[in-house]
Amino acid sequence: MDLAVRDREIQELGFSIIENVYTNQEIEDILATISKTEPNKETFRKSDDLFAIRQFLKEVPDTIELIFKNKLKDVIKALFGEDYFLVKSIYFDKPETSNWFVCYHQDLTISVDQKVEIDGFGPYTKKLNQFAVQPPLEILESNFTIRIHLDDTNEENGALKIVSNSHSKGIYRPETIDWNIEKEVSCNVARGGLMIMKPLLLHSSSRTTNNQKRRVIHLEFSKQLLPKELQWSEYLEFE
């Protein structure tokens, strides 16, 4: 694993893929822990096309030790330094026959504890008693996301498709994408691997066509302190 190459990819392309961060047994341990959770809380979303757990590490805390192994912590510290902390976690389970898809978008909001009128923060949204707000651009530019893949993922079961280097262009509206210029990449990741991406990277996900599950743990990290009136809805430091 050449982390200098990974760092260059993240800076230039907006993403990087690192394989074999977790063993098959470590993935099985994570899945077994998730399976013990009763899916009836308000942070859970369950339909024929998607099962999701928001505030995942709060709802399934026994996964924290299983996820934050030394290998993951070493990757984070080598690529981003030691000042980052976790601010959002979601578990996505896309079933074998899912028609769920997501159009191209950037991740323009952060999850916070309440709605407060502060210069540079807005608009707000609220979903399942969870507030989200668009923060100043510099916060989004410094944040990063790690997606832990619990299944082999490719174009046929919802691997993320991205527009390479779109993270460097600020707010980039999907309807303005010029496909004569831009390049789409399918981010295929094997079970146990990571995809690291910047929030401003344009990304989408297609329907499932190969009858294979796609389960992913989505983790967002920041090193930014918010205004004193506002708090991250999730906050987890790790050594």
Protein backbone atom coordinates (compact mmCIF):
# COMPACT_ATOMS: atom_id res chain seq x y z
CA MET A 1 0.00 0.00 0.00
CA ASP A 2 1.81 3.12 -1.26
CA LEU A 3 0.21 5.89 0.78
CA ALA A 4 2.10 8.59 -1.12
CA VAL A 5 0.29 7.45 -4.26
CA ARG A 6 -3.03 7.37 -2.39
CA ASP A 7 -2.46 10.89 -1.12
CA ARG A 8 -1.76 12.15 -4.63
CA GLU A 9 -4.90 10.44 -5.96
CA ILE A 10 -7.07 12.05 -3.28
CA GLN A 11 -5.61 15.50 -4.01
CA GLU A 12 -5.75 15.21 -7.80
CA LEU A 13 -8.73 12.92 -8.45
CA GLY A 14 -10.79 13.40 -5.30
CA PHE A 15 -10.75 9.72 -4.33
CA SER A 16 -8.59 6.65 -3.81
CA ILE A 17 -9.24 2.93 -3.28
CA ILE A 18 -7.26 0.83 -0.81
CA GLU A 19 -7.82 -2.91 -0.92
CA ASN A 20 -7.47 -5.55 1.83
CA VAL A 21 -7.81 -3.29 4.85
CA TYR A 22 -10.08 -5.83 6.57
CA THR A 23 -9.88 -9.61 6.46
CA ASN A 24 -12.90 -11.77 5.62
CA GLN A 25 -13.20 -12.72 9.29
CA GLU A 26 -13.15 -9.07 10.39
CA ILE A 27 -15.94 -8.31 7.91
CA GLU A 28 -17.95 -11.29 9.19
CA ASP A 29 -17.53 -10.02 12.75
CA ILE A 30 -18.86 -6.59 11.76
CA LEU A 31 -21.84 -8.09 9.92
CA ALA A 32 -22.63 -10.43 12.81
CA THR A 33 -22.71 -7.48 15.20
CA ILE A 34 -24.99 -5.48 12.90
CA SER A 35 -27.35 -8.47 12.54
CA LYS A 36 -28.02 -8.43 16.30
CA THR A 37 -29.51 -4.94 16.07
CA GLU A 38 -33.29 -4.66 16.18
CA PRO A 39 -34.25 -2.52 13.15
CA ASN A 40 -37.10 -0.54 14.68
CA LYS A 41 -35.58 2.78 15.75
CA GLU A 42 -36.27 6.15 14.16
CA THR A 43 -32.71 6.32 12.80
CA PHE A 44 -33.37 3.16 10.76
CA ARG A 45 -34.79 3.23 7.27
CA LYS A 46 -36.02 -0.04 5.80
CA SER A 47 -37.67 -0.66 2.42
CA ASP A 48 -37.50 -3.21 -0.38
CA ASP A 49 -34.68 -1.20 -1.96
CA LEU A 50 -32.59 -0.10 1.00
CA PHE A 51 -31.86 -0.70 4.68
CA ALA A 52 -29.96 2.17 6.28
CA ILE A 53 -28.89 2.99 9.83
CA ARG A 54 -28.11 6.65 10.46
CA GLN A 55 -25.87 7.58 13.39
CA PHE A 56 -24.64 4.04 12.91
CA LEU A 57 -21.86 4.05 15.51
CA LYS A 58 -24.26 5.43 18.12
CA GLU A 59 -26.87 2.79 17.32
CA VAL A 60 -24.44 -0.15 17.01
CA PRO A 61 -21.55 0.87 19.30
CA ASP A 62 -20.12 -2.63 19.45
CA THR A 63 -18.86 -2.10 15.90
CA ILE A 64 -16.54 0.76 16.88
CA GLU A 65 -13.73 -1.47 18.09
CA LEU A 66 -14.21 -3.77 15.09
CA ILE A 67 -14.01 -0.88 12.61
CA PHE A 68 -11.24 1.22 14.11
CA LYS A 69 -8.49 -1.35 13.78
CA ASN A 70 -4.88 -0.19 13.66
CA LYS A 71 -4.78 -0.56 9.89
CA LEU A 72 -7.61 1.94 9.40
CA LYS A 73 -6.20 4.36 11.98
CA ASP A 74 -2.77 4.16 10.33
CA VAL A 75 -4.29 5.01 6.94
CA ILE A 76 -6.14 8.03 8.36
CA LYS A 77 -3.12 9.38 10.21
CA ALA A 78 -0.75 8.85 7.27
CA LEU A 79 -3.05 10.56 4.76
CA PHE A 80 -4.71 13.27 6.85
CA GLY A 81 -2.79 13.69 10.10
CA GLU A 82 -3.91 13.27 13.71
CA ASP A 83 -6.38 16.14 14.11
CA TYR A 84 -9.41 14.46 12.53
CA PHE A 85 -12.43 13.04 14.34
CA LEU A 86 -15.55 11.23 13.13
CA VAL A 87 -18.66 13.38 12.58
CA LYS A 88 -21.08 11.11 10.73
CA SER A 89 -21.70 7.39 10.26
CA ILE A 90 -24.25 5.52 8.13
CA TYR A 91 -24.70 1.86 7.29
CA PHE A 92 -26.15 1.13 3.85
CA ASP A 93 -27.51 -2.29 2.88
CA LYS A 94 -28.60 -2.35 -0.76
CA PRO A 95 -30.42 -5.68 -1.34
CA GLU A 96 -29.88 -8.05 -4.25
CA THR A 97 -32.92 -6.85 -6.21
CA SER A 98 -32.72 -3.15 -5.36
CA ASN A 99 -33.98 -0.56 -7.82
CA TRP A 100 -32.59 2.22 -5.62
CA PHE A 101 -30.30 4.63 -7.41
CA VAL A 102 -28.81 8.03 -6.64
CA CYS A 103 -28.26 10.73 -9.25
CA TYR A 104 -25.05 12.73 -9.44
CA HIS A 105 -24.57 15.05 -6.47
CA GLN A 106 -22.01 16.46 -4.06
CA ASP A 107 -22.23 15.96 -0.29
CA LEU A 108 -22.88 19.59 0.60
CA THR A 109 -24.21 19.27 4.14
CA ILE A 110 -22.97 18.29 7.57
CA SER A 111 -25.06 16.77 10.40
CA VAL A 112 -25.56 19.01 13.42
CA ASP A 113 -27.52 19.00 16.68
CA GLN A 114 -29.92 21.90 16.04
CA LYS A 115 -30.92 24.73 13.75
CA VAL A 116 -29.19 28.01 14.57
CA GLU A 117 -29.00 31.06 12.31
CA ILE A 118 -25.27 31.65 11.80
CA ASP A 119 -23.60 33.58 8.98
CA GLY A 120 -22.23 31.19 6.36
CA PHE A 121 -24.35 28.23 7.50
CA GLY A 122 -27.51 27.40 5.55
CA PRO A 123 -29.90 26.31 4.33
CA TYR A 124 -30.97 23.73 6.92
CA THR A 125 -32.90 20.51 6.36
CA LYS A 126 -34.37 18.03 8.82
CA LYS A 127 -34.85 14.32 8.24
CA LEU A 128 -35.78 11.75 10.90
CA ASN A 129 -35.12 14.35 13.62
CA GLN A 130 -31.64 14.91 12.21
CA PHE A 131 -30.59 18.43 11.24
CA ALA A 132 -28.27 19.02 8.31
CA VAL A 133 -26.82 22.31 7.12
CA GLN A 134 -24.61 23.50 4.31
CA PRO A 135 -21.49 24.93 5.97
CA PRO A 136 -18.86 27.30 4.56
CA LEU A 137 -16.98 25.78 1.64
CA GLU A 138 -13.67 25.52 3.53
CA ILE A 139 -15.21 22.99 5.93
CA LEU A 140 -16.33 20.74 3.08
CA GLU A 141 -12.97 21.13 1.34
CA SER A 142 -11.05 19.86 4.39
CA ASN A 143 -13.41 17.00 5.31
CA PHE A 144 -13.13 13.48 3.92
CA THR A 145 -15.22 10.30 3.74
CA ILE A 146 -14.26 6.64 4.10
CA ARG A 147 -16.54 3.94 2.71
CA ILE A 148 -15.82 0.46 4.08
CA HIS A 149 -17.04 -2.19 1.65
CA LEU A 150 -18.58 -5.29 3.21
CA ASP A 151 -19.25 -6.90 -0.21
CA ASP A 152 -17.55 -6.97 -3.58
CA THR A 153 -18.92 -3.93 -5.38
CA ASN A 154 -18.87 -3.09 -9.08
CA GLU A 155 -20.96 -1.36 -11.76
CA GLU A 156 -23.64 -4.06 -11.48
CA ASN A 157 -24.49 -3.69 -7.79
CA GLY A 158 -24.19 0.00 -7.10
CA ALA A 159 -20.51 0.92 -7.01
CA LEU A 160 -20.12 4.68 -6.85
CA LYS A 161 -19.57 6.42 -10.16
CA ILE A 162 -17.64 9.65 -9.84
CA VAL A 163 -16.57 12.62 -11.96
CA SER A 164 -12.82 12.67 -11.57
CA ASN A 165 -11.36 15.91 -10.10
CA SER A 166 -14.79 17.52 -9.67
CA HIS A 167 -13.96 18.12 -5.99
CA SER A 168 -11.57 20.90 -7.01
CA LYS A 169 -14.28 23.02 -8.65
CA GLY A 170 -16.27 24.23 -5.66
CA ILE A 171 -20.05 23.93 -5.86
CA TYR A 172 -20.62 22.01 -9.10
CA ARG A 173 -24.24 21.59 -10.14
CA PRO A 174 -24.90 18.17 -11.72
CA GLU A 175 -27.06 19.69 -14.47
CA THR A 176 -24.02 21.61 -15.72
CA ILE A 177 -21.75 18.57 -16.22
CA ASP A 178 -20.20 18.65 -19.69
CA TRP A 179 -19.54 15.01 -20.56
CA ASN A 180 -17.41 16.10 -23.50
CA ILE A 181 -14.90 17.30 -20.93
CA GLU A 182 -15.53 15.31 -17.77
CA LYS A 183 -14.55 11.71 -17.13
CA GLU A 184 -16.78 9.21 -15.31
CA VAL A 185 -15.08 6.47 -13.28
CA SER A 186 -16.68 3.44 -11.62
CA CYS A 187 -15.13 2.93 -8.18
CA ASN A 188 -15.14 -0.85 -7.94
CA VAL A 189 -14.03 -2.06 -4.50
CA ALA A 190 -13.51 -5.61 -3.28
CA ARG A 191 -14.86 -6.83 0.04
CA GLY A 192 -12.69 -5.54 2.87
CA GLY A 193 -11.44 -2.54 0.91
CA LEU A 194 -11.88 1.19 1.39
CA MET A 195 -12.90 4.01 -0.86
CA ILE A 196 -11.69 7.38 0.40
CA MET A 197 -13.31 10.45 -1.15
CA LYS A 198 -13.75 14.18 -0.75
CA PRO A 199 -17.31 15.41 -0.07
CA LEU A 200 -17.27 17.79 -3.06
CA LEU A 201 -16.57 14.95 -5.49
CA LEU A 202 -19.58 14.47 -7.78
CA HIS A 203 -20.84 10.91 -7.33
CA SER A 204 -23.82 8.69 -8.15
CA SER A 205 -24.95 5.08 -7.74
CA SER A 206 -26.88 2.84 -10.15
CA ARG A 207 -29.54 0.18 -9.68
CA THR A 208 -28.52 -3.39 -8.91
CA THR A 209 -28.54 -5.73 -11.91
CA ASN A 210 -26.49 -8.76 -10.80
CA ASN A 211 -28.50 -9.96 -7.76
CA GLN A 212 -25.59 -9.23 -5.42
CA LYS A 213 -25.84 -7.32 -2.13
CA ARG A 214 -23.95 -4.08 -1.59
CA ARG A 215 -23.32 -3.27 2.06
CA VAL A 216 -21.20 -0.25 2.96
CA ILE A 217 -20.26 1.63 6.12
CA HIS A 218 -20.02 5.35 5.35
CA LEU A 219 -17.86 7.42 7.73
CA GLU A 220 -17.26 11.18 7.53
CA PHE A 221 -14.36 12.93 9.23
CA SER A 222 -13.52 16.56 10.03
CA LYS A 223 -10.97 18.59 11.94
CA GLN A 224 -13.10 21.74 11.96
CA LEU A 225 -14.49 23.35 15.09
CA LEU A 226 -18.02 24.63 14.58
CA PRO A 227 -19.33 27.94 15.99
CA LYS A 228 -20.01 27.56 19.72
CA GLU A 229 -23.80 27.63 19.18
CA LEU A 230 -23.62 24.52 16.97
CA GLN A 231 -22.41 20.98 17.62
CA TRP A 232 -21.75 17.99 15.38
CA SER A 233 -24.59 15.48 15.78
CA GLU A 234 -21.96 12.75 16.06
CA TYR A 235 -18.47 13.09 17.49
CA LEU A 236 -15.95 10.35 18.01
CA GLU A 237 -12.25 10.74 18.66
CA PHE A 238 -9.96 7.80 18.05
CA GLU A 239 -6.36 7.25 19.11
